[in-house]
């Protein structure tokens, strides 16, 4: 069982790394597309701030660990199947340059794996509605509205300034907003892998295998679900390293194919995205940072004119949003069946 737990932990860290390069565009697509920073510098800065954001809290991690399935019903193969489903879907969408949600891929993968192992009653569908489906609609909508209003206010504020002065000033501001977005991304996305590792550790304890393990290795706290410090640092490091690896295809889609973006628009989009995501992280809601920043980019484009947004590209992105939960669930359902054959009784 220890070897299987190690395999699950490695798979979770690999998923976190994939999440990093898959979602690197969330923080830096606009700052790269506007020419404020070269891509290599941007991903290095984003990677560091992803790490810093990831170690600031664990509210989202606790939601993942205990909010969607009872740890007593979860086994190591369930967690591993969930990670396989989420990682496979992330790699598919990364290959085609589609900015889908790593968060929803992980939760969809967990749903498929839990149902395959213990039936539909074992998964907390009410939590899926409250913590995923409602934020799936609300977070991009809030981001879109904030970006739309902020962009209008900024245009009004600089209306009497010389264009060259606005351009220079907004490039400096965009550096700050891109850093804020990278910090916010780490604060939400890295915690999902922390939560899935904590879920695996809780299952390990409930199976009676925790005796003799050092206290620092296992979840603690008053409720016994506190994320271990080593898990926080490992996941923060993995998502930071993954972000530094970059994701050029998705950066191109987000930074240029939705709208042609200016530094001032980039500042508005990133600021709105950071506000939305940091609010969700504080509330322990695992939102999609991808959905948020895409909606914010659409919001700043729509503030100029509706036709400025390339709605054909946007509709393909929305389709990927809709497909992510069921696609990841389907892959993990199959993976759970295969793993059940490879590890009978686990």
Protein backbone atom coordinates (compact mmCIF):
# COMPACT_ATOMS: atom_id res chain seq x y z
CA UNK A 1 0.00 0.00 0.00
CA UNK A 2 2.89 2.37 0.70
CA UNK A 3 4.19 1.87 -2.85
CA UNK A 4 0.74 2.65 -4.27
CA UNK A 5 0.53 5.79 -2.11
CA UNK A 6 3.93 6.89 -3.43
CA UNK A 7 2.67 6.32 -6.98
CA UNK A 8 -0.40 8.48 -6.25
CA UNK A 9 1.74 11.26 -4.78
CA UNK A 10 4.06 11.22 -7.80
CA UNK A 11 1.04 11.29 -10.14
CA UNK A 12 -0.41 14.28 -8.24
CA UNK A 13 2.86 16.21 -8.47
CA UNK A 14 3.08 15.39 -12.21
CA UNK A 15 -0.50 16.66 -12.60
CA UNK A 16 0.47 19.85 -10.77
CA UNK A 17 3.44 20.31 -13.10
CA UNK A 18 1.19 19.76 -16.14
CA UNK A 19 -1.27 22.23 -14.62
CA UNK A 20 1.56 24.76 -14.42
CA UNK A 21 2.59 24.66 -18.08
CA UNK A 22 -1.00 24.16 -19.26
CA UNK A 23 -2.17 27.23 -17.33
CA UNK A 24 0.94 29.40 -17.67
CA UNK A 25 -1.02 31.44 -20.19
CA UNK A 26 -3.52 32.45 -17.48
CA UNK A 27 -0.98 34.78 -15.92
CA UNK A 28 1.22 35.88 -18.82
CA UNK A 29 -0.67 35.63 -22.12
CA UNK A 30 -1.59 39.31 -22.21
CA UNK A 31 1.78 40.60 -20.98
CA UNK A 32 3.53 38.56 -23.69
CA UNK A 33 1.11 39.41 -26.50
CA UNK A 34 1.44 43.14 -25.81
CA UNK A 35 5.25 42.91 -25.88
CA UNK A 36 5.72 44.11 -22.30
CA UNK A 37 7.86 41.05 -21.50
CA UNK A 38 9.51 38.34 -23.60
CA UNK A 39 7.99 34.93 -23.00
CA UNK A 40 10.98 33.42 -21.16
CA UNK A 41 11.17 36.32 -18.67
CA UNK A 42 7.40 36.26 -18.20
CA UNK A 43 7.22 32.54 -17.40
CA UNK A 44 10.11 32.79 -14.94
CA UNK A 45 8.42 35.61 -13.02
CA UNK A 46 5.06 33.83 -13.16
CA UNK A 47 6.62 30.60 -11.89
CA UNK A 48 8.09 32.32 -8.83
CA UNK A 49 4.82 34.10 -8.03
CA UNK A 50 2.84 30.88 -8.56
CA UNK A 51 5.00 29.33 -5.86
CA UNK A 52 4.50 32.27 -3.49
CA UNK A 53 0.73 32.29 -4.07
CA UNK A 54 0.52 28.54 -3.51
CA UNK A 55 1.91 28.69 0.04
CA UNK A 56 -0.51 31.39 1.25
CA UNK A 57 -3.44 29.17 2.24
CA UNK A 58 -5.16 25.78 2.13
CA UNK A 59 -8.91 26.57 2.02
CA UNK A 60 -9.29 25.25 -1.53
CA UNK A 61 -7.17 22.17 -0.71
CA UNK A 62 -9.52 21.24 2.14
CA UNK A 63 -12.51 21.56 -0.19
CA UNK A 64 -10.90 19.10 -2.63
CA UNK A 65 -9.79 16.72 0.16
CA UNK A 66 -13.14 16.35 1.92
CA UNK A 67 -15.76 18.31 0.00
CA UNK A 68 -16.62 15.95 -2.87
CA UNK A 69 -16.28 12.43 -1.46
CA UNK A 70 -16.03 10.83 1.97
CA UNK A 71 -12.34 9.87 2.46
CA UNK A 72 -13.51 6.60 4.03
CA UNK A 73 -14.99 5.59 0.66
CA UNK A 74 -11.93 6.61 -1.31
CA UNK A 75 -8.99 4.31 -2.10
CA UNK A 76 -5.57 4.95 -3.61
CA UNK A 77 -6.71 3.60 -6.97
CA UNK A 78 -9.64 6.05 -6.95
CA UNK A 79 -7.28 9.00 -6.47
CA UNK A 80 -4.85 7.66 -9.06
CA UNK A 81 -7.66 7.17 -11.60
CA UNK A 82 -8.86 10.73 -10.98
CA UNK A 83 -5.36 12.05 -11.65
CA UNK A 84 -5.02 9.98 -14.81
CA UNK A 85 -8.31 11.33 -16.16
CA UNK A 86 -7.46 14.93 -15.32
CA UNK A 87 -3.89 14.73 -16.67
CA UNK A 88 -5.00 13.03 -19.90
CA UNK A 89 -7.60 15.71 -20.60
CA UNK A 90 -5.11 18.48 -19.80
CA UNK A 91 -2.60 17.03 -22.24
CA UNK A 92 -5.24 16.65 -24.98
CA UNK A 93 -6.38 20.27 -24.66
CA UNK A 94 -2.78 21.51 -24.35
CA UNK A 95 -1.86 19.70 -27.58
CA UNK A 96 -4.65 21.47 -29.45
CA UNK A 97 -3.96 24.83 -27.76
CA UNK A 98 -7.35 24.96 -26.03
CA UNK A 99 -7.39 26.80 -22.66
CA UNK A 100 -9.54 24.36 -20.68
CA UNK A 101 -9.85 24.11 -16.90
CA UNK A 102 -7.37 21.98 -14.93
CA UNK A 103 -9.60 22.44 -11.89
CA UNK A 104 -12.68 21.02 -13.53
CA UNK A 105 -10.62 18.25 -15.10
CA UNK A 106 -9.49 17.17 -11.63
CA UNK A 107 -12.97 17.34 -10.10
CA UNK A 108 -14.49 15.57 -13.11
CA UNK A 109 -11.80 12.92 -12.82
CA UNK A 110 -12.57 12.48 -9.12
CA UNK A 111 -16.29 12.12 -9.87
CA UNK A 112 -15.69 9.46 -12.53
CA UNK A 113 -13.29 7.49 -10.32
CA UNK A 114 -15.53 7.60 -7.23
CA UNK A 115 -18.60 6.50 -9.20
CA UNK A 116 -16.65 3.66 -10.82
CA UNK A 117 -15.48 2.43 -7.42
CA UNK A 118 -18.46 2.99 -5.12
CA UNK A 119 -21.47 4.01 -7.22
CA UNK A 120 -23.22 7.31 -7.85
CA UNK A 121 -24.31 7.76 -4.21
CA UNK A 122 -20.68 7.95 -3.05
CA UNK A 123 -20.01 11.28 -4.77
CA UNK A 124 -21.34 14.51 -3.22
CA UNK A 125 -23.34 15.90 -6.13
CA UNK A 126 -24.65 18.78 -4.03
CA UNK A 127 -21.08 19.94 -3.45
CA UNK A 128 -20.43 19.65 -7.19
CA UNK A 129 -23.35 22.01 -7.81
CA UNK A 130 -22.41 24.48 -5.06
CA UNK A 131 -18.63 24.45 -5.43
CA UNK A 132 -18.19 23.83 -9.17
CA UNK A 133 -21.25 24.34 -11.36
CA UNK A 134 -22.41 27.60 -9.77
CA UNK A 135 -18.88 29.08 -9.80
CA UNK A 136 -18.51 27.77 -13.38
CA UNK A 137 -21.17 30.33 -14.34
CA UNK A 138 -20.60 32.99 -11.70
CA UNK A 139 -16.81 33.39 -11.73
CA UNK A 140 -16.43 34.08 -15.49
CA UNK A 141 -19.50 36.34 -15.36
CA UNK A 142 -18.09 38.33 -12.43
CA UNK A 143 -14.70 38.54 -14.15
CA UNK A 144 -16.31 39.67 -17.42
CA UNK A 145 -18.32 42.41 -15.68
CA UNK A 146 -15.38 43.66 -13.59
CA UNK A 147 -13.13 43.77 -16.67
CA UNK A 148 -15.83 45.48 -18.76
CA UNK A 149 -16.49 48.19 -16.14
CA UNK A 150 -12.81 48.66 -15.28
CA UNK A 151 -11.90 49.09 -18.93
CA UNK A 152 -14.59 51.75 -19.42
CA UNK A 153 -13.37 53.60 -16.30
CA UNK A 154 -9.75 53.46 -17.47
CA UNK A 155 -10.63 54.77 -20.93
CA UNK A 156 -12.55 57.63 -19.31
CA UNK A 157 -9.67 58.37 -16.92
CA UNK A 158 -7.02 58.64 -19.67
CA UNK A 159 -9.20 60.28 -22.30
CA UNK A 160 -7.26 63.59 -22.17
CA UNK A 161 -3.77 62.06 -22.01
CA UNK A 162 -1.45 61.68 -24.96
CA UNK A 163 -1.59 58.16 -26.47
CA UNK A 164 2.18 57.69 -26.03
CA UNK A 165 1.93 58.51 -22.32
CA UNK A 166 -1.00 56.11 -21.87
CA UNK A 167 0.91 53.37 -23.67
CA UNK A 168 4.04 53.77 -21.52
CA UNK A 169 2.11 53.98 -18.29
CA UNK A 170 -0.12 51.02 -19.02
CA UNK A 171 2.91 48.85 -19.89
CA UNK A 172 4.29 49.52 -16.38
CA UNK A 173 0.91 48.84 -14.80
CA UNK A 174 0.61 45.60 -16.73
CA UNK A 175 3.74 44.28 -15.06
CA UNK A 176 1.99 44.68 -11.69
CA UNK A 177 -1.26 43.15 -12.89
CA UNK A 178 0.51 40.16 -14.47
CA UNK A 179 2.34 39.51 -11.19
CA UNK A 180 -0.97 39.74 -9.31
CA UNK A 181 -2.56 37.28 -11.71
CA UNK A 182 0.32 34.81 -11.32
CA UNK A 183 0.06 35.06 -7.53
CA UNK A 184 -3.72 34.52 -7.68
CA UNK A 185 -3.30 31.52 -10.00
CA UNK A 186 -0.94 29.84 -7.55
CA UNK A 187 -3.26 30.60 -4.63
CA UNK A 188 -6.08 28.61 -6.24
CA UNK A 189 -4.72 26.05 -8.69
CA UNK A 190 -1.80 24.61 -6.70
CA UNK A 191 -4.14 23.90 -3.81
CA UNK A 192 -6.09 21.40 -5.91
CA UNK A 193 -3.15 19.01 -6.05
CA UNK A 194 -2.54 19.63 -2.35
CA UNK A 195 -6.13 18.57 -1.75
CA UNK A 196 -5.90 15.42 -3.85
CA UNK A 197 -2.69 14.31 -2.07
CA UNK A 198 -4.32 15.03 1.29
CA UNK A 199 -7.32 12.93 0.19
CA UNK A 200 -4.95 10.06 -0.65
CA UNK A 201 -3.27 10.41 2.77
CA UNK A 202 -6.65 10.41 4.53
CA UNK A 203 -7.63 7.25 2.65
CA UNK A 204 -4.29 5.73 3.65
CA UNK A 205 -5.01 6.48 7.33
CA UNK A 206 -8.60 5.23 7.17
CA UNK A 207 -7.37 1.96 5.67
CA UNK A 208 -5.34 1.44 8.86
CA UNK A 209 -1.91 1.99 7.29
CA UNK A 210 -0.99 5.20 9.11
CA UNK A 211 0.44 3.55 12.21
CA UNK A 212 4.17 4.05 12.51
CA UNK A 213 4.26 6.88 9.95
CA UNK A 214 5.83 10.14 11.16
CA UNK A 215 3.33 12.81 12.24
CA UNK A 216 4.70 15.39 9.77
CA UNK A 217 3.87 13.08 6.86
CA UNK A 218 0.14 12.73 7.61
CA UNK A 219 -2.73 15.25 7.77
CA UNK A 220 -3.19 16.88 11.18
CA UNK A 221 -5.15 19.70 12.78
CA UNK A 222 -8.31 19.60 14.94
CA UNK A 223 -10.35 17.80 12.26
CA UNK A 224 -7.45 15.70 11.07
CA UNK A 225 -7.63 17.16 7.55
CA UNK A 226 -4.92 19.83 7.72
CA UNK A 227 -2.62 19.77 4.69
CA UNK A 228 0.92 18.67 5.65
CA UNK A 229 3.65 21.26 5.12
CA UNK A 230 5.62 18.97 2.79
CA UNK A 231 2.56 18.65 0.55
CA UNK A 232 2.21 22.44 0.34
CA UNK A 233 5.87 22.91 -0.60
CA UNK A 234 5.93 20.02 -3.09
CA UNK A 235 2.83 21.22 -4.93
CA UNK A 236 3.93 24.86 -4.88
CA UNK A 237 7.28 23.83 -6.36
CA UNK A 238 5.67 21.63 -9.02
CA UNK A 239 3.25 24.27 -10.30
CA UNK A 240 6.01 26.89 -10.26
CA UNK A 241 8.33 24.66 -12.28
CA UNK A 242 5.53 23.77 -14.70
CA UNK A 243 4.71 27.44 -15.25
CA UNK A 244 8.36 28.14 -16.03
CA UNK A 245 8.14 25.44 -18.72
CA UNK A 246 5.44 27.54 -20.38
CA UNK A 247 2.60 26.65 -22.73
CA UNK A 248 3.17 28.57 -25.96
CA UNK A 249 0.16 27.24 -27.90
CA UNK A 250 -2.34 28.34 -25.26
CA UNK A 251 -0.53 31.64 -24.71
CA UNK A 252 -1.00 32.36 -28.42
CA UNK A 253 -4.72 31.50 -28.26
CA UNK A 254 -5.42 33.63 -25.20
CA UNK A 255 -3.12 36.51 -26.02
CA UNK A 256 -3.94 37.05 -29.67
CA UNK A 257 -6.73 34.89 -31.04
CA UNK A 258 -9.59 36.05 -28.78
CA UNK A 259 -8.87 39.77 -29.34
CA UNK A 260 -5.88 41.88 -30.30
CA UNK A 261 -5.05 43.30 -26.91
CA UNK A 262 -3.32 46.54 -25.86
CA UNK A 263 -1.31 47.05 -22.65
CA UNK A 264 -4.16 49.02 -21.07
CA UNK A 265 -6.61 46.23 -21.93
CA UNK A 266 -4.14 43.67 -20.58
CA UNK A 267 -3.91 45.55 -17.29
CA UNK A 268 -7.70 45.65 -16.97
CA UNK A 269 -8.12 41.96 -17.82
CA UNK A 270 -5.41 40.77 -15.43
CA UNK A 271 -6.57 43.01 -12.60
CA UNK A 272 -10.15 41.79 -12.95
CA UNK A 273 -8.97 38.18 -13.12
CA UNK A 274 -6.79 38.52 -10.01
CA UNK A 275 -9.64 40.10 -8.01
CA UNK A 276 -12.04 37.30 -8.98
CA UNK A 277 -9.62 34.43 -8.31
CA UNK A 278 -8.27 35.78 -5.00
CA UNK A 279 -11.84 36.20 -3.78
CA UNK A 280 -12.59 32.57 -4.66
CA UNK A 281 -9.40 31.35 -2.97
CA UNK A 282 -10.35 33.19 0.22
CA UNK A 283 -13.75 31.44 0.19
CA UNK A 284 -12.22 28.02 -0.53
CA UNK A 285 -13.91 27.73 -3.94
CA UNK A 286 -11.88 25.85 -6.59
CA UNK A 287 -12.67 28.07 -9.58
CA UNK A 288 -11.16 27.78 -13.02
CA UNK A 289 -8.47 30.42 -13.42
CA UNK A 290 -8.62 29.68 -17.15
CA UNK A 291 -12.32 30.53 -17.34
CA UNK A 292 -11.82 33.70 -15.31
CA UNK A 293 -9.00 35.23 -17.34
CA UNK A 294 -10.60 34.28 -20.66
CA UNK A 295 -13.85 35.94 -19.58
CA UNK A 296 -11.90 39.02 -18.49
CA UNK A 297 -10.16 39.23 -21.87
CA UNK A 298 -13.58 39.00 -23.54
CA UNK A 299 -14.88 41.69 -21.17
CA UNK A 300 -12.21 44.24 -22.09
CA UNK A 301 -12.75 43.46 -25.78
CA UNK A 302 -16.52 43.85 -25.52
CA UNK A 303 -16.09 47.23 -23.78
CA UNK A 304 -14.61 48.55 -27.03
CA UNK A 305 -17.16 46.95 -29.30
CA UNK A 306 -18.82 43.56 -29.39
CA UNK A 307 -17.26 42.71 -32.75
CA UNK A 308 -13.76 43.16 -31.27
CA UNK A 309 -14.06 39.72 -29.69
CA UNK A 310 -13.50 36.80 -32.04
CA UNK A 311 -16.57 34.93 -30.95
CA UNK A 312 -15.76 31.89 -33.09
CA UNK A 313 -12.59 31.26 -31.08
CA UNK A 314 -14.45 32.13 -27.88
CA UNK A 315 -17.19 29.59 -28.67
CA UNK A 316 -14.58 26.83 -29.10
CA UNK A 317 -13.16 27.71 -25.70
CA UNK A 318 -16.63 27.61 -24.11
CA UNK A 319 -17.23 24.20 -25.72
CA UNK A 320 -14.05 22.93 -24.05
CA UNK A 321 -15.36 24.31 -20.74
CA UNK A 322 -18.56 22.30 -21.14
CA UNK A 323 -16.77 19.10 -22.17
CA UNK A 324 -14.05 19.13 -19.48
CA UNK A 325 -16.05 17.69 -16.55
CA UNK A 326 -17.67 14.79 -18.44
CA UNK A 327 -14.59 14.04 -20.57
CA UNK A 328 -12.23 13.83 -17.59
CA UNK A 329 -14.87 11.79 -15.70
CA UNK A 330 -15.16 9.32 -18.57
CA UNK A 331 -11.39 8.85 -18.84
CA UNK A 332 -11.01 8.36 -15.07
CA UNK A 333 -13.97 5.93 -15.02
CA UNK A 334 -12.14 3.71 -17.52
CA UNK A 335 -8.83 4.22 -15.69
CA UNK A 336 -10.48 3.14 -12.43
CA UNK A 337 -11.67 -0.10 -14.04
CA UNK A 338 -8.19 -0.85 -15.41
CA UNK A 339 -6.48 -0.01 -12.11
CA UNK A 340 -8.96 -2.25 -10.30
CA UNK A 341 -7.70 -5.15 -12.42
CA UNK A 342 -4.05 -4.23 -11.85
CA UNK A 343 -4.42 -3.66 -8.11
CA UNK A 344 -7.24 -5.95 -6.93
CA UNK A 345 -8.45 -5.10 -3.44
CA UNK A 346 -6.64 -1.74 -3.38
